[in-house]
Amino acid sequence: MHIGVTFPQSDLELDAGATREFAEAVEAMGFDHLIAYDHVLGAGRRNRPDWTGFHDEHDRFHEVLVLFGYLAAVTTSLELVTGILCLPQRQTALVAKQAAEVDILSGGRFRLGVGVGWNDVEFQGLGADFRTRGRRIEEQIDVLRNLWTNPTVEVDGEFHSLPDVGINPLPSRRPIPIWYGSGAEKILDRVVRLADGWIPESRVPEKLGPQLEKLRAKLDAAGRDPAAFGLQARLSLRQGGPDLWREYFDWYRDNGFTHFCVSTIWSGASTLEEHLEHLRRFCAEVGVLQ
């Protein structure tokens, strides 16, 4: 498995130097990819006393594509991964342009993880229709790949009208890999049809196992080689201790996951050195990157 790390956007010092040093340090430790999460707006609770969303205005998210433009300049080997970009709330052509730029600046080290998003308040604030996000993302993925691989495109779809236009420059990789993030079983058909890999929402093997079985059956039925399809595992160090870390890591590896990412978010670390120490402990306990 390729072993990566989650960027601790909510817990790391809000400082360009700490951001750079974290990326440089994890690259030096041998991690080969870095995942960052995406939210543009947080819902305020003052007028929403019954808000049950996982995030609110108190949770910090860097703008992920701007962040990656910076990290592209201070790293040399880390793959930069959105995990996931809430694609339907963004303008498709602009995402294509920004993603191509990150891919160029990083020398082809960008992977675009996408999903439909869950925060209707955020959609409203960005002027996007929450109700049509499923249909929209299907058209968006097709438009992105067309924009990344052709000098100009003509699209007259339900959500896009592109009258013989194109982005320039095109990305280093044509197209940029698109992985789909979702925890809903009913979305697996979409994952199989549209994505180069899957970023499951669940981090629990007991729940992931049956979904993985169904995904591979659908890939086989669609004539796609399951062994060539990417699978992104994720583990939070908030989940139990070293015994559980080893158990989960071994399960992901033995079940054919191609990528594994460890997160120190909300694990008690609040400084650069504390995050790095958590990662060193994980590597020592699990026996990786030694």
Protein backbone atom coordinates (compact mmCIF):
# COMPACT_ATOMS: atom_id res chain seq x y z
CA MET A 1 0.00 0.00 0.00
CA HIS A 2 0.97 3.60 -0.57
CA ILE A 3 1.02 5.24 2.86
CA GLY A 4 -0.07 8.84 3.29
CA VAL A 5 -1.12 11.38 5.88
CA THR A 6 -4.02 13.78 6.37
CA PHE A 7 -3.22 17.49 6.57
CA PRO A 8 -4.32 18.54 10.10
CA GLN A 9 -6.10 21.71 9.00
CA SER A 10 -8.04 22.21 12.23
CA ASP A 11 -5.26 21.52 14.74
CA LEU A 12 -2.01 22.80 13.20
CA GLU A 13 -0.79 26.32 13.91
CA LEU A 14 -2.33 28.81 11.47
CA ASP A 15 1.02 29.70 10.02
CA ALA A 16 2.59 29.30 6.57
CA GLY A 17 5.83 28.11 8.14
CA ALA A 18 4.11 25.32 10.10
CA THR A 19 2.21 24.27 6.97
CA ARG A 20 5.43 24.06 4.98
CA GLU A 21 7.34 22.28 7.77
CA PHE A 22 4.59 19.69 8.22
CA ALA A 23 4.59 18.82 4.51
CA GLU A 24 8.39 18.73 4.35
CA ALA A 25 8.61 16.57 7.47
CA VAL A 26 6.07 13.95 6.41
CA GLU A 27 7.69 13.74 2.98
CA ALA A 28 11.07 13.19 4.65
CA MET A 29 9.51 10.47 6.85
CA GLY A 30 8.53 8.56 3.72
CA PHE A 31 4.80 9.27 3.44
CA ASP A 32 3.93 9.41 -0.25
CA HIS A 33 0.60 11.23 -0.36
CA LEU A 34 -1.19 13.96 1.59
CA ILE A 35 -4.96 14.29 1.80
CA ALA A 36 -6.71 17.57 2.61
CA TYR A 37 -10.43 18.06 3.18
CA ASP A 38 -12.66 20.69 1.59
CA HIS A 39 -15.28 23.03 2.98
CA VAL A 40 -15.72 26.64 1.90
CA LEU A 41 -18.35 27.76 4.42
CA GLY A 42 -19.24 26.66 7.92
CA ALA A 43 -22.81 26.91 9.18
CA GLY A 44 -23.29 29.27 12.12
CA ARG A 45 -25.12 27.77 15.09
CA ARG A 46 -26.53 31.01 16.49
CA ASN A 47 -29.59 30.85 14.24
CA ARG A 48 -29.53 27.05 13.92
CA PRO A 49 -29.93 25.65 17.44
CA ASP A 50 -30.87 22.22 16.04
CA TRP A 51 -27.90 21.99 13.66
CA THR A 52 -26.65 18.39 13.53
CA GLY A 53 -23.98 18.79 10.84
CA PHE A 54 -20.54 17.36 11.52
CA HIS A 55 -18.89 20.78 11.06
CA ASP A 56 -19.86 24.34 11.87
CA GLU A 57 -18.30 27.81 11.77
CA HIS A 58 -15.75 26.87 14.43
CA ASP A 59 -14.02 24.25 12.26
CA ARG A 60 -11.09 25.46 10.19
CA PHE A 61 -10.61 24.44 6.55
CA HIS A 62 -7.94 25.89 4.30
CA GLU A 63 -9.06 26.44 0.71
CA VAL A 64 -7.75 23.15 -0.56
CA LEU A 65 -6.64 24.04 -4.10
CA VAL A 66 -4.86 27.21 -2.97
CA LEU A 67 -3.20 25.14 -0.23
CA PHE A 68 -2.02 22.62 -2.82
CA GLY A 69 -0.57 25.35 -5.00
CA TYR A 70 1.60 26.30 -2.01
CA LEU A 71 2.48 22.71 -1.09
CA ALA A 72 3.42 21.95 -4.69
CA ALA A 73 6.25 24.44 -4.34
CA VAL A 74 7.65 23.15 -1.04
CA THR A 75 7.49 19.38 -1.72
CA THR A 76 9.00 17.17 -4.40
CA SER A 77 7.38 13.75 -4.14
CA LEU A 78 4.14 13.95 -2.11
CA GLU A 79 1.00 13.26 -4.11
CA LEU A 80 -1.58 15.94 -3.26
CA VAL A 81 -5.11 14.57 -2.87
CA THR A 82 -8.47 16.21 -2.19
CA GLY A 83 -10.41 13.94 0.06
CA ILE A 84 -12.95 15.07 -1.01
CA LEU A 85 -13.69 18.23 -3.01
CA CYS A 86 -17.43 19.03 -2.82
CA LEU A 87 -17.65 19.29 -6.59
CA PRO A 88 -21.34 20.16 -7.25
CA GLN A 89 -21.09 23.40 -5.24
CA ARG A 90 -18.24 24.65 -7.46
CA GLN A 91 -18.06 25.89 -11.05
CA THR A 92 -16.81 23.00 -13.17
CA ALA A 93 -14.66 24.96 -15.62
CA LEU A 94 -12.98 26.81 -12.76
CA VAL A 95 -12.23 23.53 -10.96
CA ALA A 96 -10.76 22.18 -14.21
CA LYS A 97 -8.51 25.23 -14.47
CA GLN A 98 -7.42 25.17 -10.83
CA ALA A 99 -6.81 21.42 -10.84
CA ALA A 100 -4.75 21.66 -14.02
CA GLU A 101 -2.65 24.40 -12.43
CA VAL A 102 -1.97 22.34 -9.30
CA ASP A 103 -1.06 19.37 -11.48
CA ILE A 104 1.39 21.46 -13.50
CA LEU A 105 2.97 23.15 -10.47
CA SER A 106 3.38 19.82 -8.70
CA GLY A 107 4.77 18.00 -11.73
CA GLY A 108 1.82 15.65 -12.06
CA ARG A 109 1.37 14.93 -8.34
CA PHE A 110 -2.32 15.79 -8.04
CA ARG A 111 -5.26 13.42 -7.53
CA LEU A 112 -8.79 14.84 -7.43
CA GLY A 113 -11.11 13.17 -4.94
CA VAL A 114 -14.69 14.35 -5.40
CA GLY A 115 -18.07 13.87 -3.79
CA VAL A 116 -21.53 15.40 -3.72
CA GLY A 117 -21.21 17.06 -0.30
CA TRP A 118 -23.73 17.02 2.53
CA ASN A 119 -24.00 20.61 3.78
CA ASP A 120 -27.07 22.26 2.25
CA VAL A 121 -26.23 25.54 4.02
CA GLU A 122 -22.88 25.64 2.24
CA PHE A 123 -24.56 25.00 -1.12
CA GLN A 124 -26.96 27.85 -0.46
CA GLY A 125 -24.12 30.22 0.41
CA LEU A 126 -22.30 29.33 -2.80
CA GLY A 127 -25.38 29.70 -4.98
CA ALA A 128 -25.56 26.01 -5.91
CA ASP A 129 -28.57 23.69 -6.01
CA PHE A 130 -28.30 21.05 -3.29
CA ARG A 131 -31.17 18.97 -4.71
CA THR A 132 -29.55 18.28 -8.09
CA ARG A 133 -26.03 17.60 -6.84
CA GLY A 134 -26.11 13.90 -7.78
CA ARG A 135 -27.02 14.50 -11.43
CA ARG A 136 -24.71 17.48 -11.58
CA ILE A 137 -21.58 15.64 -10.43
CA GLU A 138 -22.05 12.98 -13.12
CA GLU A 139 -22.02 15.64 -15.84
CA GLN A 140 -19.20 17.51 -14.09
CA ILE A 141 -16.84 14.53 -14.12
CA ASP A 142 -17.34 14.10 -17.87
CA VAL A 143 -16.79 17.83 -18.46
CA LEU A 144 -13.62 17.86 -16.37
CA ARG A 145 -12.05 15.01 -18.31
CA ASN A 146 -12.97 16.66 -21.61
CA LEU A 147 -11.48 19.99 -20.55
CA TRP A 148 -8.26 18.30 -19.39
CA THR A 149 -7.72 16.37 -22.62
CA ASN A 150 -8.88 18.67 -25.43
CA PRO A 151 -7.83 22.15 -26.59
CA THR A 152 -11.51 23.13 -26.78
CA VAL A 153 -14.80 21.44 -25.97
CA GLU A 154 -18.42 21.92 -26.91
CA VAL A 155 -20.94 20.88 -24.27
CA ASP A 156 -24.66 21.50 -24.20
CA GLY A 157 -25.84 19.58 -21.16
CA GLU A 158 -28.33 19.88 -18.33
CA PHE A 159 -25.91 21.91 -16.20
CA HIS A 160 -23.19 23.08 -18.62
CA SER A 161 -23.07 25.16 -21.77
CA LEU A 162 -19.52 25.33 -23.12
CA PRO A 163 -19.47 26.88 -26.62
CA ASP A 164 -16.15 25.68 -28.12
CA VAL A 165 -13.92 26.78 -25.22
CA GLY A 166 -10.92 25.31 -23.44
CA ILE A 167 -8.46 25.76 -20.63
CA ASN A 168 -4.83 26.55 -21.36
CA PRO A 169 -2.46 25.20 -20.11
CA LEU A 170 -3.69 21.63 -19.97
CA PRO A 171 -2.57 19.51 -16.99
CA SER A 172 0.56 17.35 -16.95
CA ARG A 173 -1.58 14.21 -16.69
CA ARG A 174 -4.40 14.03 -19.19
CA PRO A 175 -6.75 13.39 -17.55
CA ILE A 176 -6.02 13.95 -13.88
CA PRO A 177 -7.14 10.89 -11.86
CA ILE A 178 -10.60 11.31 -10.33
CA TRP A 179 -11.51 9.26 -7.25
CA TYR A 180 -15.02 9.28 -5.82
CA GLY A 181 -15.74 9.62 -2.12
CA SER A 182 -18.96 8.16 -0.75
CA GLY A 183 -20.36 6.04 2.04
CA ALA A 184 -23.71 5.19 0.41
CA GLU A 185 -24.06 1.76 -1.17
CA LYS A 186 -26.47 3.10 -3.79
CA ILE A 187 -23.65 5.29 -5.11
CA LEU A 188 -21.37 2.34 -5.91
CA ASP A 189 -22.77 2.14 -9.46
CA ARG A 190 -21.69 5.75 -10.00
CA VAL A 191 -18.26 5.02 -8.56
CA VAL A 192 -17.80 2.11 -10.98
CA ARG A 193 -19.00 4.09 -14.01
CA LEU A 194 -17.14 7.33 -13.41
CA ALA A 195 -14.16 7.00 -11.09
CA ASP A 196 -10.57 5.80 -11.17
CA GLY A 197 -10.75 4.90 -7.48
CA TRP A 198 -12.95 4.92 -4.39
CA ILE A 199 -12.56 6.84 -1.12
CA PRO A 200 -15.03 5.13 1.24
CA GLU A 201 -16.49 7.21 4.03
CA SER A 202 -16.35 4.42 6.59
CA ARG A 203 -13.09 3.58 8.36
CA VAL A 204 -14.49 0.42 9.99
CA PRO A 205 -13.65 -2.95 8.35
CA GLU A 206 -16.91 -4.55 9.50
CA LYS A 207 -18.88 -2.03 7.46
CA LEU A 208 -16.39 -1.72 4.61
CA GLY A 209 -16.09 -5.44 3.91
CA PRO A 210 -19.59 -5.96 2.42
CA GLN A 211 -19.35 -2.70 0.45
CA LEU A 212 -15.98 -3.72 -0.96
CA GLU A 213 -17.40 -7.06 -2.07
CA LYS A 214 -20.26 -5.35 -3.89
CA LEU A 215 -17.94 -2.80 -5.48
CA ARG A 216 -15.66 -5.49 -6.88
CA ALA A 217 -18.63 -7.46 -8.22
CA LYS A 218 -19.90 -4.33 -9.98
CA LEU A 219 -16.43 -3.58 -11.40
CA ASP A 220 -16.21 -7.12 -12.76
CA ALA A 221 -19.71 -6.90 -14.27
CA ALA A 222 -18.75 -3.62 -15.95
CA GLY A 223 -15.66 -5.19 -17.49
CA ARG A 224 -13.28 -3.23 -15.27
CA ASP A 225 -10.34 -4.94 -13.59
CA PRO A 226 -10.84 -4.66 -9.80
CA ALA A 227 -7.07 -5.04 -9.32
CA ALA A 228 -6.50 -1.87 -11.37
CA PHE A 229 -9.06 0.19 -9.42
CA GLY A 230 -7.74 2.44 -6.63
CA LEU A 231 -8.93 2.06 -3.03
CA GLN A 232 -8.15 4.70 -0.39
CA ALA A 233 -8.19 3.59 3.25
CA ARG A 234 -8.22 6.11 6.08
CA LEU A 235 -7.46 5.75 9.78
CA SER A 236 -7.82 8.36 12.51
CA LEU A 237 -5.49 8.02 15.49
CA ARG A 238 -8.55 8.89 17.58
CA GLN A 239 -9.70 5.34 16.85
CA GLY A 240 -8.44 3.20 19.71
CA GLY A 241 -4.75 2.56 20.25
CA PRO A 242 -1.85 0.65 18.68
CA ASP A 243 -3.60 -2.73 18.72
CA LEU A 244 -6.53 -1.37 16.72
CA TRP A 245 -4.18 0.56 14.39
CA ARG A 246 -2.33 -2.64 13.54
CA GLU A 247 -5.57 -4.60 13.13
CA TYR A 248 -7.06 -2.04 10.75
CA PHE A 249 -3.83 -1.53 8.80
CA ASP A 250 -3.44 -5.27 8.27
CA TRP A 251 -7.08 -5.60 7.19
CA TYR A 252 -6.77 -2.83 4.59
CA ARG A 253 -3.52 -4.30 3.25
CA ASP A 254 -4.86 -7.85 3.12
CA ASN A 255 -8.06 -6.70 1.37
CA GLY A 256 -6.26 -5.06 -1.51
CA PHE A 257 -6.42 -1.37 -0.63
CA THR A 258 -3.92 0.51 -2.76
CA HIS A 259 -3.59 3.55 -0.48
CA PHE A 260 -3.70 4.07 3.28
CA CYS A 261 -3.85 7.46 5.00
CA VAL A 262 -3.41 8.21 8.70
CA SER A 263 -4.89 11.28 10.40
CA THR A 264 -3.84 13.10 13.57
CA ILE A 265 -6.82 15.48 13.51
CA TRP A 266 -8.58 15.66 16.90
CA SER A 267 -6.10 13.20 18.36
CA GLY A 268 -4.84 15.61 21.04
CA ALA A 269 -2.08 17.26 18.98
CA SER A 270 -2.13 21.04 18.61
CA THR A 271 1.42 21.92 17.51
CA LEU A 272 3.59 20.87 14.61
CA GLU A 273 5.88 18.76 16.80
CA GLU A 274 2.95 17.04 18.53
CA HIS A 275 1.44 16.03 15.18
CA LEU A 276 4.78 14.70 13.98
CA GLU A 277 5.31 12.80 17.23
CA HIS A 278 1.89 11.13 16.81
CA LEU A 279 2.92 10.07 13.30
CA ARG A 280 6.28 8.74 14.50
CA ARG A 281 4.48 6.68 17.14
CA PHE A 282 2.07 5.29 14.56
CA CYS A 283 4.93 4.28 12.27
CA ALA A 284 6.79 2.61 15.13
CA GLU A 285 3.74 0.76 16.47
CA VAL A 286 2.52 -0.45 13.08
CA GLY A 287 6.02 -1.09 11.69
CA VAL A 288 5.87 1.06 8.56
CA LEU A 289 8.25 3.61 7.01
CA GLN A 290 11.05 2.45 9.31
